[in-house]
Amino acid sequence: MPHPGKLDGELGVLISLAVSLGMVILTVAGWWLWNTFPGLMEAVTSVSSVEIP
């Protein structure tokens, strides 16, 4: 029977892996949207309150 603490460590690794993969997927999707709909992205960035020099 596995040690109970080992399962917690594996679960933490799986959660970390899922979060990392989600961030990669969101990055790729954002890049794709930015290149596919440049007019929409310009409108979104013009509404934002942060000014990029």
PDB file of N, CA and C in Angstrom:
ATOM      1  N   MET A   1       0.844  -1.185   0.000  1.00  0.00           N
ATOM      2  CA  MET A   1       0.000   0.000   0.000  1.00  0.00           C
ATOM      3  C   MET A   1       0.892   1.251   0.000  1.00  0.00           C
ATOM      4  N   PRO A   2       0.608   2.221  -0.891  1.00  0.00           N
ATOM      5  CA  PRO A   2       1.456   3.422  -0.953  1.00  0.00           C
ATOM      6  C   PRO A   2       1.324   4.277   0.295  1.00  0.00           C
ATOM      7  N   HIS A   3       2.355   5.013   0.538  1.00  0.00           N
ATOM      8  CA  HIS A   3       2.367   5.922   1.689  1.00  0.00           C
ATOM      9  C   HIS A   3       1.405   7.080   1.415  1.00  0.00           C
ATOM     10  N   PRO A   4       0.547   7.482   2.374  1.00  0.00           N
ATOM     11  CA  PRO A   4      -0.443   8.555   2.125  1.00  0.00           C
ATOM     12  C   PRO A   4       0.190   9.882   1.700  1.00  0.00           C
ATOM     13  N   GLY A   5       1.368  10.220   2.206  1.00  0.00           N
ATOM     14  CA  GLY A   5       2.007  11.474   1.834  1.00  0.00           C
ATOM     15  C   GLY A   5       2.445  11.506   0.391  1.00  0.00           C
ATOM     16  N   LYS A   6       2.743  10.334  -0.152  1.00  0.00           N
ATOM     17  CA  LYS A   6       3.180  10.257  -1.552  1.00  0.00           C
ATOM     18  C   LYS A   6       2.062  10.663  -2.503  1.00  0.00           C
ATOM     19  N   LEU A   7       0.845  10.266  -2.175  1.00  0.00           N
ATOM     20  CA  LEU A   7      -0.294  10.610  -3.025  1.00  0.00           C
ATOM     21  C   LEU A   7      -0.502  12.124  -3.074  1.00  0.00           C
ATOM     22  N   ASP A   8      -0.308  12.810  -1.952  1.00  0.00           N
ATOM     23  CA  ASP A   8      -0.449  14.263  -1.930  1.00  0.00           C
ATOM     24  C   ASP A   8       0.579  14.917  -2.841  1.00  0.00           C
ATOM     25  N   GLY A   9       1.799  14.390  -2.834  1.00  0.00           N
ATOM     26  CA  GLY A   9       2.838  14.946  -3.696  1.00  0.00           C
ATOM     27  C   GLY A   9       2.519  14.752  -5.162  1.00  0.00           C
ATOM     28  N   GLU A  10       2.018  13.566  -5.503  1.00  0.00           N
ATOM     29  CA  GLU A  10       1.662  13.296  -6.898  1.00  0.00           C
ATOM     30  C   GLU A  10       0.498  14.169  -7.337  1.00  0.00           C
ATOM     31  N   LEU A  11      -0.448  14.368  -6.444  1.00  0.00           N
ATOM     32  CA  LEU A  11      -1.591  15.223  -6.775  1.00  0.00           C
ATOM     33  C   LEU A  11      -1.130  16.658  -7.026  1.00  0.00           C
ATOM     34  N   GLY A  12      -0.184  17.129  -6.219  1.00  0.00           N
ATOM     35  CA  GLY A  12       0.355  18.474  -6.423  1.00  0.00           C
ATOM     36  C   GLY A  12       1.053  18.615  -7.763  1.00  0.00           C
ATOM     37  N   VAL A  13       1.780  17.561  -8.154  1.00  0.00           N
ATOM     38  CA  VAL A  13       2.469  17.586  -9.448  1.00  0.00           C
ATOM     39  C   VAL A  13       1.454  17.601 -10.584  1.00  0.00           C
ATOM     40  N   LEU A  14       0.393  16.811 -10.459  1.00  0.00           N
ATOM     41  CA  LEU A  14      -0.634  16.781 -11.505  1.00  0.00           C
ATOM     42  C   LEU A  14      -1.359  18.121 -11.621  1.00  0.00           C
ATOM     43  N   ILE A  15      -1.639  18.748 -10.500  1.00  0.00           N
ATOM     44  CA  ILE A  15      -2.283  20.062 -10.530  1.00  0.00           C
ATOM     45  C   ILE A  15      -1.362  21.078 -11.178  1.00  0.00           C
ATOM     46  N   SER A  16      -0.090  21.041 -10.832  1.00  0.00           N
ATOM     47  CA  SER A  16       0.882  21.958 -11.424  1.00  0.00           C
ATOM     48  C   SER A  16       0.984  21.744 -12.927  1.00  0.00           C
ATOM     49  N   LEU A  17       0.991  20.492 -13.341  1.00  0.00           N
ATOM     50  CA  LEU A  17       1.052  20.184 -14.769  1.00  0.00           C
ATOM     51  C   LEU A  17      -0.186  20.691 -15.499  1.00  0.00           C
ATOM     52  N   ALA A  18      -1.354  20.509 -14.894  1.00  0.00           N
ATOM     53  CA  ALA A  18      -2.602  20.975 -15.509  1.00  0.00           C
ATOM     54  C   ALA A  18      -2.615  22.493 -15.630  1.00  0.00           C
ATOM     55  N   VAL A  19      -2.149  23.201 -14.603  1.00  0.00           N
ATOM     56  CA  VAL A  19      -2.098  24.663 -14.652  1.00  0.00           C
ATOM     57  C   VAL A  19      -1.118  25.126 -15.728  1.00  0.00           C
ATOM     58  N   SER A  20       0.021  24.474 -15.815  1.00  0.00           N
ATOM     59  CA  SER A  20       1.021  24.848 -16.820  1.00  0.00           C
ATOM     60  C   SER A  20       0.489  24.629 -18.233  1.00  0.00           C
ATOM     61  N   LEU A  21      -0.148  23.494 -18.452  1.00  0.00           N
ATOM     62  CA  LEU A  21      -0.712  23.233 -19.776  1.00  0.00           C
ATOM     63  C   LEU A  21      -1.829  24.219 -20.107  1.00  0.00           C
ATOM     64  N   GLY A  22      -2.629  24.574 -19.115  1.00  0.00           N
ATOM     65  CA  GLY A  22      -3.684  25.564 -19.339  1.00  0.00           C
ATOM     66  C   GLY A  22      -3.125  26.916 -19.729  1.00  0.00           C
ATOM     67  N   MET A  23      -2.018  27.306 -19.085  1.00  0.00           N
ATOM     68  CA  MET A  23      -1.396  28.589 -19.428  1.00  0.00           C
ATOM     69  C   MET A  23      -0.836  28.562 -20.849  1.00  0.00           C
ATOM     70  N   VAL A  24      -0.257  27.437 -21.253  1.00  0.00           N
ATOM     71  CA  VAL A  24       0.258  27.319 -22.616  1.00  0.00           C
ATOM     72  C   VAL A  24      -0.885  27.393 -23.616  1.00  0.00           C
ATOM     73  N   ILE A  25      -1.983  26.712 -23.326  1.00  0.00           N
ATOM     74  CA  ILE A  25      -3.138  26.735 -24.234  1.00  0.00           C
ATOM     75  C   ILE A  25      -3.716  28.145 -24.340  1.00  0.00           C
ATOM     76  N   LEU A  26      -3.836  28.856 -23.212  1.00  0.00           N
ATOM     77  CA  LEU A  26      -4.345  30.229 -23.249  1.00  0.00           C
ATOM     78  C   LEU A  26      -3.410  31.150 -24.024  1.00  0.00           C
ATOM     79  N   THR A  27      -2.106  30.948 -23.884  1.00  0.00           N
ATOM     80  CA  THR A  27      -1.138  31.769 -24.612  1.00  0.00           C
ATOM     81  C   THR A  27      -1.262  31.554 -26.115  1.00  0.00           C
ATOM     82  N   VAL A  28      -1.343  30.291 -26.524  1.00  0.00           N
ATOM     83  CA  VAL A  28      -1.477  29.981 -27.954  1.00  0.00           C
ATOM     84  C   VAL A  28      -2.800  30.513 -28.497  1.00  0.00           C
ATOM     85  N   ALA A  29      -3.877  30.362 -27.732  1.00  0.00           N
ATOM     86  CA  ALA A  29      -5.179  30.860 -28.179  1.00  0.00           C
ATOM     87  C   ALA A  29      -5.171  32.385 -28.290  1.00  0.00           C
ATOM     88  N   GLY A  30      -4.550  33.062 -27.336  1.00  0.00           N
ATOM     89  CA  GLY A  30      -4.458  34.525 -27.406  1.00  0.00           C
ATOM     90  C   GLY A  30      -3.638  34.990 -28.587  1.00  0.00           C
ATOM     91  N   TRP A  31      -2.522  34.317 -28.829  1.00  0.00           N
ATOM     92  CA  TRP A  31      -1.675  34.675 -29.988  1.00  0.00           C
ATOM     93  C   TRP A  31      -2.444  34.460 -31.286  1.00  0.00           C
ATOM     94  N   TRP A  32      -3.185  33.347 -31.355  1.00  0.00           N
ATOM     95  CA  TRP A  32      -3.955  33.057 -32.555  1.00  0.00           C
ATOM     96  C   TRP A  32      -5.038  34.120 -32.772  1.00  0.00           C
ATOM     97  N   LEU A  33      -5.748  34.487 -31.690  1.00  0.00           N
ATOM     98  CA  LEU A  33      -6.772  35.527 -31.817  1.00  0.00           C
ATOM     99  C   LEU A  33      -6.166  36.857 -32.223  1.00  0.00           C
ATOM    100  N   TRP A  34      -5.003  37.187 -31.659  1.00  0.00           N
ATOM    101  CA  TRP A  34      -4.343  38.449 -31.966  1.00  0.00           C
ATOM    102  C   TRP A  34      -4.009  38.538 -33.453  1.00  0.00           C
ATOM    103  N   ASN A  35      -3.558  37.430 -34.046  1.00  0.00           N
ATOM    104  CA  ASN A  35      -3.196  37.414 -35.460  1.00  0.00           C
ATOM    105  C   ASN A  35      -4.404  37.242 -36.372  1.00  0.00           C
ATOM    106  N   THR A  36      -5.456  36.594 -35.886  1.00  0.00           N
ATOM    107  CA  THR A  36      -6.624  36.337 -36.725  1.00  0.00           C
ATOM    108  C   THR A  36      -7.553  37.546 -36.790  1.00  0.00           C
ATOM    109  N   PHE A  37      -7.725  38.233 -35.665  1.00  0.00           N
ATOM    110  CA  PHE A  37      -8.639  39.373 -35.609  1.00  0.00           C
ATOM    111  C   PHE A  37      -7.901  40.629 -35.154  1.00  0.00           C
ATOM    112  N   PRO A  38      -7.039  41.188 -35.996  1.00  0.00           N
ATOM    113  CA  PRO A  38      -6.260  42.353 -35.557  1.00  0.00           C
ATOM    114  C   PRO A  38      -7.134  43.571 -35.243  1.00  0.00           C
ATOM    115  N   GLY A  39      -8.233  43.767 -35.951  1.00  0.00           N
ATOM    116  CA  GLY A  39      -9.113  44.905 -35.682  1.00  0.00           C
ATOM    117  C   GLY A  39      -9.753  44.803 -34.314  1.00  0.00           C
ATOM    118  N   LEU A  40     -10.173  43.609 -33.946  1.00  0.00           N
ATOM    119  CA  LEU A  40     -10.786  43.389 -32.641  1.00  0.00           C
ATOM    120  C   LEU A  40      -9.770  43.622 -31.530  1.00  0.00           C
ATOM    121  N   MET A  41      -8.566  43.157 -31.719  1.00  0.00           N
ATOM    122  CA  MET A  41      -7.541  43.305 -30.686  1.00  0.00           C
ATOM    123  C   MET A  41      -7.134  44.771 -30.516  1.00  0.00           C
ATOM    124  N   GLU A  42      -7.118  45.540 -31.610  1.00  0.00           N
ATOM    125  CA  GLU A  42      -6.817  46.969 -31.493  1.00  0.00           C
ATOM    126  C   GLU A  42      -7.904  47.678 -30.685  1.00  0.00           C
ATOM    127  N   ALA A  43      -9.152  47.281 -30.899  1.00  0.00           N
ATOM    128  CA  ALA A  43     -10.257  47.882 -30.145  1.00  0.00           C
ATOM    129  C   ALA A  43     -10.146  47.530 -28.663  1.00  0.00           C
ATOM    130  N   VAL A  44      -9.769  46.304 -28.362  1.00  0.00           N
ATOM    131  CA  VAL A  44      -9.628  45.891 -26.962  1.00  0.00           C
ATOM    132  C   VAL A  44      -8.490  46.652 -26.288  1.00  0.00           C
ATOM    133  N   THR A  45      -7.369  46.793 -26.974  1.00  0.00           N
ATOM    134  CA  THR A  45      -6.240  47.482 -26.366  1.00  0.00           C
ATOM    135  C   THR A  45      -6.478  48.979 -26.260  1.00  0.00           C
ATOM    136  N   SER A  46      -7.299  49.554 -27.139  1.00  0.00           N
ATOM    137  CA  SER A  46      -7.553  50.987 -27.052  1.00  0.00           C
ATOM    138  C   SER A  46      -8.477  51.303 -25.872  1.00  0.00           C
ATOM    139  N   VAL A  47      -9.274  50.350 -25.443  1.00  0.00           N
ATOM    140  CA  VAL A  47     -10.192  50.550 -24.328  1.00  0.00           C
ATOM    141  C   VAL A  47      -9.453  50.424 -22.997  1.00  0.00           C
ATOM    142  N   SER A  48      -8.378  49.670 -22.979  1.00  0.00           N
ATOM    143  CA  SER A  48      -7.669  49.425 -21.710  1.00  0.00           C
ATOM    144  C   SER A  48      -7.103  50.726 -21.155  1.00  0.00           C
ATOM    145  N   SER A  49      -6.975  50.782 -19.836  1.00  0.00           N
ATOM    146  CA  SER A  49      -6.502  51.994 -19.187  1.00  0.00           C
ATOM    147  C   SER A  49      -4.981  52.061 -19.108  1.00  0.00           C
ATOM    148  N   VAL A  50      -4.303  50.975 -19.467  1.00  0.00           N
ATOM    149  CA  VAL A  50      -2.839  50.941 -19.400  1.00  0.00           C
ATOM    150  C   VAL A  50      -2.292  51.431 -20.725  1.00  0.00           C
ATOM    151  N   GLU A  51      -1.438  52.428 -20.668  1.00  0.00           N
ATOM    152  CA  GLU A  51      -0.827  52.947 -21.882  1.00  0.00           C
ATOM    153  C   GLU A  51       0.535  52.330 -22.068  1.00  0.00           C
ATOM    154  N   ILE A  52       0.763  51.749 -23.237  1.00  0.00           N
ATOM    155  CA  ILE A  52       2.045  51.117 -23.545  1.00  0.00           C
ATOM    156  C   ILE A  52       2.865  52.099 -24.372  1.00  0.00           C
ATOM    157  N   PRO A  53       4.034  52.457 -23.904  1.00  0.00           N
ATOM    158  CA  PRO A  53       4.831  53.445 -24.652  1.00  0.00           C
ATOM    159  C   PRO A  53       5.355  52.887 -25.961  1.00  0.00           C
TER     160      PRO A  53
END
